[in-house]
Amino acid sequence: MQDLEKKSTISIRIFGSLRQYIEDQGLDPSFEMEIEAKETSALDLAKEIMIPPEKVEAVFRNGRIINIYDPVFPGDRVAFCPYGTPGPYRVFLGMARENEKRKHRERSNTNE
């Protein structure tokens, strides 16, 4: 029996101004795609679907905010949101916290 590489699907939603990148590819802003049957980062997923990571303010995984560098897994529901969420919601939802972590990580990577 052949050893086939396992794949699984992930559900993706794209919001706001990020939709243009998906619609330019002829895709619906809510779609499913196959991914490797292992974890991948939200950053890599954004790049794969041709959304510039610098345009993404928030990533939701299964209804909760995660950092763009955090992993996503087969079966997850992932949503990408652009910058522009009003201030209080950024704090309540955790966007501000994750963006601070992201800035710190990106600064650390450029100093290496």
N, C-alpha and C. Protein backbone atom coordinates (compact mmCIF):
# COMPACT_ATOMS: atom_id res chain seq x y z
N MET A 1 0.84 -1.19 0.00
CA MET A 1 0.00 0.00 0.00
C MET A 1 0.88 1.24 0.00
N GLN A 2 0.56 2.15 -0.87
CA GLN A 2 1.33 3.39 -0.98
C GLN A 2 1.16 4.26 0.24
N ASP A 3 2.24 4.93 0.60
CA ASP A 3 2.19 5.85 1.74
C ASP A 3 1.82 7.23 1.21
N LEU A 4 0.54 7.56 1.23
CA LEU A 4 0.07 8.83 0.70
C LEU A 4 0.17 9.90 1.78
N GLU A 5 0.54 11.11 1.37
CA GLU A 5 0.60 12.23 2.31
C GLU A 5 -0.82 12.63 2.68
N LYS A 6 -1.09 12.68 3.97
CA LYS A 6 -2.43 13.00 4.43
C LYS A 6 -2.70 14.49 4.28
N LYS A 7 -3.93 14.78 3.89
CA LYS A 7 -4.37 16.17 3.79
C LYS A 7 -5.72 16.27 4.47
N SER A 8 -6.06 17.49 4.82
CA SER A 8 -7.35 17.74 5.44
C SER A 8 -7.77 19.15 5.04
N THR A 9 -9.00 19.49 5.38
CA THR A 9 -9.50 20.81 5.01
C THR A 9 -9.49 21.77 6.18
N ILE A 10 -9.49 23.01 5.84
CA ILE A 10 -9.57 24.11 6.78
C ILE A 10 -10.59 25.09 6.22
N SER A 11 -11.41 25.66 7.07
CA SER A 11 -12.43 26.62 6.66
C SER A 11 -11.87 28.03 6.85
N ILE A 12 -11.96 28.85 5.82
CA ILE A 12 -11.37 30.19 5.85
C ILE A 12 -12.43 31.24 5.53
N ARG A 13 -12.39 32.32 6.28
CA ARG A 13 -13.23 33.49 6.01
C ARG A 13 -12.34 34.72 5.96
N ILE A 14 -12.68 35.60 5.04
CA ILE A 14 -11.90 36.82 4.85
C ILE A 14 -12.84 38.00 5.01
N PHE A 15 -12.42 38.99 5.79
CA PHE A 15 -13.28 40.12 6.09
C PHE A 15 -12.70 41.44 5.60
N GLY A 16 -13.62 42.41 5.42
CA GLY A 16 -13.26 43.79 5.11
C GLY A 16 -12.44 43.94 3.85
N SER A 17 -11.47 44.84 3.92
CA SER A 17 -10.67 45.17 2.75
C SER A 17 -9.78 44.02 2.28
N LEU A 18 -9.59 42.99 3.11
CA LEU A 18 -8.80 41.83 2.69
C LEU A 18 -9.52 41.01 1.62
N ARG A 19 -10.82 41.21 1.52
CA ARG A 19 -11.60 40.45 0.53
C ARG A 19 -11.11 40.68 -0.89
N GLN A 20 -10.58 41.86 -1.18
CA GLN A 20 -10.14 42.15 -2.55
C GLN A 20 -9.07 41.17 -3.01
N TYR A 21 -8.19 40.74 -2.09
CA TYR A 21 -7.13 39.81 -2.47
C TYR A 21 -7.69 38.44 -2.85
N ILE A 22 -8.76 38.04 -2.20
CA ILE A 22 -9.40 36.76 -2.48
C ILE A 22 -10.27 36.86 -3.73
N GLU A 23 -11.04 37.93 -3.82
CA GLU A 23 -11.92 38.11 -4.98
C GLU A 23 -11.11 38.26 -6.27
N ASP A 24 -9.92 38.87 -6.19
CA ASP A 24 -9.05 38.99 -7.36
C ASP A 24 -8.60 37.63 -7.87
N GLN A 25 -8.65 36.62 -7.00
CA GLN A 25 -8.27 35.26 -7.38
C GLN A 25 -9.50 34.45 -7.84
N GLY A 26 -10.67 35.12 -7.84
CA GLY A 26 -11.89 34.44 -8.24
C GLY A 26 -12.47 33.55 -7.16
N LEU A 27 -12.05 33.78 -5.92
CA LEU A 27 -12.56 32.97 -4.80
C LEU A 27 -13.61 33.74 -4.02
N ASP A 28 -14.47 33.00 -3.37
CA ASP A 28 -15.47 33.55 -2.47
C ASP A 28 -14.76 33.88 -1.15
N PRO A 29 -15.17 34.92 -0.41
CA PRO A 29 -14.51 35.26 0.84
C PRO A 29 -14.75 34.25 1.97
N SER A 30 -15.51 33.23 1.70
CA SER A 30 -15.71 32.13 2.65
C SER A 30 -15.51 30.84 1.86
N PHE A 31 -14.45 30.11 2.17
CA PHE A 31 -14.14 28.92 1.39
C PHE A 31 -13.40 27.90 2.24
N GLU A 32 -13.29 26.72 1.70
CA GLU A 32 -12.50 25.66 2.33
C GLU A 32 -11.35 25.32 1.41
N MET A 33 -10.24 24.94 2.02
CA MET A 33 -9.11 24.51 1.21
C MET A 33 -8.41 23.36 1.90
N GLU A 34 -7.72 22.57 1.11
CA GLU A 34 -6.95 21.46 1.66
C GLU A 34 -5.61 21.98 2.14
N ILE A 35 -5.18 21.46 3.28
CA ILE A 35 -3.85 21.78 3.78
C ILE A 35 -3.19 20.46 4.18
N GLU A 36 -1.89 20.52 4.37
CA GLU A 36 -1.17 19.34 4.85
C GLU A 36 -1.78 18.91 6.17
N ALA A 37 -1.75 17.64 6.44
CA ALA A 37 -2.34 17.11 7.67
C ALA A 37 -1.39 17.32 8.85
N LYS A 38 -0.94 18.54 9.01
CA LYS A 38 -0.10 18.93 10.14
C LYS A 38 -0.34 20.40 10.37
N GLU A 39 0.22 20.91 11.43
CA GLU A 39 0.01 22.33 11.70
C GLU A 39 0.78 23.20 10.72
N THR A 40 0.26 24.39 10.52
CA THR A 40 0.93 25.42 9.75
C THR A 40 0.63 26.73 10.46
N SER A 41 1.41 27.74 10.25
CA SER A 41 1.13 29.01 10.93
C SER A 41 0.08 29.80 10.15
N ALA A 42 -0.62 30.66 10.87
CA ALA A 42 -1.59 31.54 10.21
C ALA A 42 -0.86 32.44 9.21
N LEU A 43 0.37 32.81 9.52
CA LEU A 43 1.19 33.62 8.60
C LEU A 43 1.39 32.88 7.28
N ASP A 44 1.79 31.61 7.36
CA ASP A 44 2.01 30.83 6.14
C ASP A 44 0.71 30.64 5.36
N LEU A 45 -0.38 30.48 6.08
CA LEU A 45 -1.69 30.33 5.43
C LEU A 45 -2.06 31.62 4.69
N ALA A 46 -1.85 32.78 5.33
CA ALA A 46 -2.14 34.06 4.68
C ALA A 46 -1.33 34.20 3.39
N LYS A 47 -0.04 33.86 3.48
CA LYS A 47 0.81 33.96 2.29
C LYS A 47 0.33 33.01 1.19
N GLU A 48 -0.08 31.80 1.59
CA GLU A 48 -0.53 30.82 0.61
C GLU A 48 -1.77 31.28 -0.14
N ILE A 49 -2.66 31.99 0.55
CA ILE A 49 -3.87 32.48 -0.13
C ILE A 49 -3.68 33.91 -0.64
N MET A 50 -2.43 34.36 -0.64
CA MET A 50 -2.01 35.64 -1.22
C MET A 50 -2.62 36.86 -0.56
N ILE A 51 -2.69 36.82 0.76
CA ILE A 51 -3.08 38.00 1.54
C ILE A 51 -1.81 38.54 2.18
N PRO A 52 -1.45 39.79 1.91
CA PRO A 52 -0.24 40.34 2.51
C PRO A 52 -0.34 40.35 4.05
N PRO A 53 0.55 39.67 4.74
CA PRO A 53 0.48 39.60 6.21
C PRO A 53 0.46 40.97 6.89
N GLU A 54 1.11 41.94 6.29
CA GLU A 54 1.15 43.28 6.90
C GLU A 54 -0.22 43.98 6.87
N LYS A 55 -1.14 43.45 6.08
CA LYS A 55 -2.50 44.00 6.01
C LYS A 55 -3.45 43.33 7.01
N VAL A 56 -3.00 42.26 7.67
CA VAL A 56 -3.83 41.50 8.61
C VAL A 56 -3.62 42.03 10.02
N GLU A 57 -4.71 42.50 10.65
CA GLU A 57 -4.61 42.92 12.05
C GLU A 57 -4.93 41.77 12.99
N ALA A 58 -5.87 40.93 12.62
CA ALA A 58 -6.30 39.88 13.53
C ALA A 58 -6.57 38.58 12.79
N VAL A 59 -6.27 37.50 13.49
CA VAL A 59 -6.58 36.16 13.01
C VAL A 59 -7.42 35.49 14.09
N PHE A 60 -8.54 34.94 13.68
CA PHE A 60 -9.37 34.16 14.59
C PHE A 60 -9.20 32.69 14.24
N ARG A 61 -9.03 31.86 15.24
CA ARG A 61 -9.02 30.41 15.05
C ARG A 61 -10.11 29.83 15.93
N ASN A 62 -11.10 29.24 15.30
CA ASN A 62 -12.23 28.64 16.02
C ASN A 62 -12.88 29.63 16.99
N GLY A 63 -13.02 30.88 16.53
CA GLY A 63 -13.72 31.91 17.29
C GLY A 63 -12.89 32.68 18.30
N ARG A 64 -11.60 32.39 18.40
CA ARG A 64 -10.74 33.10 19.35
C ARG A 64 -9.56 33.74 18.63
N ILE A 65 -9.18 34.90 19.13
CA ILE A 65 -8.03 35.61 18.55
C ILE A 65 -6.75 34.82 18.79
N ILE A 66 -5.93 34.71 17.75
CA ILE A 66 -4.60 34.13 17.89
C ILE A 66 -3.60 35.08 17.25
N ASN A 67 -2.35 34.85 17.50
CA ASN A 67 -1.28 35.61 16.86
C ASN A 67 -1.08 35.06 15.46
N ILE A 68 -0.68 35.90 14.54
CA ILE A 68 -0.48 35.45 13.15
C ILE A 68 0.61 34.38 13.06
N TYR A 69 1.49 34.30 14.06
CA TYR A 69 2.55 33.29 14.07
C TYR A 69 2.10 31.98 14.72
N ASP A 70 0.91 31.96 15.31
CA ASP A 70 0.41 30.76 15.97
C ASP A 70 -0.02 29.72 14.94
N PRO A 71 -0.03 28.45 15.34
CA PRO A 71 -0.41 27.39 14.41
C PRO A 71 -1.92 27.30 14.19
N VAL A 72 -2.26 26.80 13.02
CA VAL A 72 -3.63 26.40 12.70
C VAL A 72 -3.53 24.95 12.25
N PHE A 73 -4.63 24.22 12.44
CA PHE A 73 -4.61 22.79 12.21
C PHE A 73 -5.74 22.38 11.28
N PRO A 74 -5.61 21.22 10.64
CA PRO A 74 -6.72 20.71 9.83
C PRO A 74 -7.99 20.66 10.67
N GLY A 75 -9.10 21.08 10.06
CA GLY A 75 -10.38 21.10 10.75
C GLY A 75 -10.71 22.42 11.40
N ASP A 76 -9.71 23.32 11.54
CA ASP A 76 -9.95 24.62 12.15
C ASP A 76 -10.76 25.53 11.25
N ARG A 77 -11.42 26.50 11.89
CA ARG A 77 -12.08 27.60 11.19
C ARG A 77 -11.20 28.83 11.43
N VAL A 78 -10.72 29.44 10.37
CA VAL A 78 -9.79 30.56 10.46
C VAL A 78 -10.38 31.77 9.75
N ALA A 79 -10.27 32.94 10.39
CA ALA A 79 -10.74 34.18 9.78
C ALA A 79 -9.63 35.23 9.85
N PHE A 80 -9.48 35.96 8.77
CA PHE A 80 -8.50 37.04 8.69
C PHE A 80 -9.23 38.37 8.65
N CYS A 81 -8.83 39.31 9.51
CA CYS A 81 -9.46 40.63 9.60
C CYS A 81 -8.42 41.71 9.33
N PRO A 82 -8.80 42.76 8.60
CA PRO A 82 -7.88 43.85 8.32
C PRO A 82 -7.80 44.83 9.49
N TYR A 83 -6.88 45.77 9.38
CA TYR A 83 -6.82 46.86 10.35
C TYR A 83 -8.07 47.71 10.22
N GLY A 84 -8.48 48.33 11.32
CA GLY A 84 -9.63 49.23 11.28
C GLY A 84 -10.69 48.91 12.31
N THR A 85 -10.46 47.92 13.15
CA THR A 85 -11.43 47.61 14.20
C THR A 85 -11.38 48.72 15.24
N PRO A 86 -12.53 49.23 15.70
CA PRO A 86 -12.53 50.30 16.70
C PRO A 86 -11.79 49.91 17.98
N GLY A 87 -11.16 50.90 18.61
CA GLY A 87 -10.30 50.72 19.78
C GLY A 87 -10.79 49.80 20.87
N PRO A 88 -11.97 50.03 21.46
CA PRO A 88 -12.40 49.17 22.57
C PRO A 88 -12.52 47.70 22.17
N TYR A 89 -12.97 47.44 20.96
CA TYR A 89 -13.11 46.06 20.51
C TYR A 89 -11.75 45.40 20.34
N ARG A 90 -10.76 46.17 19.92
CA ARG A 90 -9.40 45.64 19.77
C ARG A 90 -8.89 45.11 21.11
N VAL A 91 -9.24 45.81 22.20
CA VAL A 91 -8.82 45.39 23.53
C VAL A 91 -9.66 44.21 24.01
N PHE A 92 -10.98 44.34 23.93
CA PHE A 92 -11.88 43.28 24.42
C PHE A 92 -11.67 41.96 23.70
N LEU A 93 -11.43 42.00 22.41
CA LEU A 93 -11.26 40.77 21.64
C LEU A 93 -9.86 40.19 21.75
N GLY A 94 -8.91 40.99 22.21
CA GLY A 94 -7.54 40.50 22.34
C GLY A 94 -6.64 40.89 21.19
N MET A 95 -7.14 41.69 20.25
CA MET A 95 -6.33 42.09 19.10
C MET A 95 -5.11 42.89 19.53
N ALA A 96 -5.31 43.82 20.45
CA ALA A 96 -4.21 44.68 20.89
C ALA A 96 -3.10 43.83 21.51
N ARG A 97 -3.48 42.88 22.36
CA ARG A 97 -2.51 41.99 23.02
C ARG A 97 -1.71 41.20 21.98
N GLU A 98 -2.39 40.57 21.04
CA GLU A 98 -1.70 39.76 20.04
C GLU A 98 -0.84 40.60 19.11
N ASN A 99 -1.27 41.83 18.82
CA ASN A 99 -0.45 42.69 17.97
C ASN A 99 0.82 43.15 18.69
N GLU A 100 0.75 43.32 20.00
CA GLU A 100 1.96 43.64 20.76
C GLU A 100 2.93 42.46 20.72
N LYS A 101 2.43 41.25 20.88
CA LYS A 101 3.27 40.05 20.79
C LYS A 101 3.89 39.95 19.40
N ARG A 102 3.08 40.25 18.39
CA ARG A 102 3.56 40.18 17.00
C ARG A 102 4.68 41.19 16.78
N LYS A 103 4.48 42.44 17.24
CA LYS A 103 5.52 43.46 17.08
C LYS A 103 6.82 43.05 17.76
N HIS A 104 6.69 42.52 18.97
CA HIS A 104 7.87 42.09 19.72
C HIS A 104 8.61 40.98 18.97
N ARG A 105 7.87 40.01 18.45
CA ARG A 105 8.49 38.92 17.72
C ARG A 105 9.16 39.41 16.45
N GLU A 106 8.50 40.32 15.73
CA GLU A 106 9.08 40.83 14.48
C GLU A 106 10.32 41.68 14.76
N ARG A 107 10.30 42.45 15.86
CA ARG A 107 11.50 43.22 16.24
C ARG A 107 12.65 42.28 16.58
N SER A 108 12.35 41.21 17.30
CA SER A 108 13.37 40.23 17.67
C SER A 108 13.97 39.56 16.43
N ASN A 109 13.12 39.26 15.46
CA ASN A 109 13.60 38.62 14.23
C ASN A 109 14.48 39.54 13.41
N THR A 110 14.22 40.84 13.42
CA THR A 110 15.05 41.77 12.64
C THR A 110 16.36 42.07 13.34
N ASN A 111 16.45 41.85 14.64
CA ASN A 111 17.68 42.11 15.39
C ASN A 111 18.64 40.92 15.37
N GLU A 112 18.24 39.80 14.79
CA GLU A 112 19.10 38.62 14.78
C GLU A 112 20.12 38.68 13.67
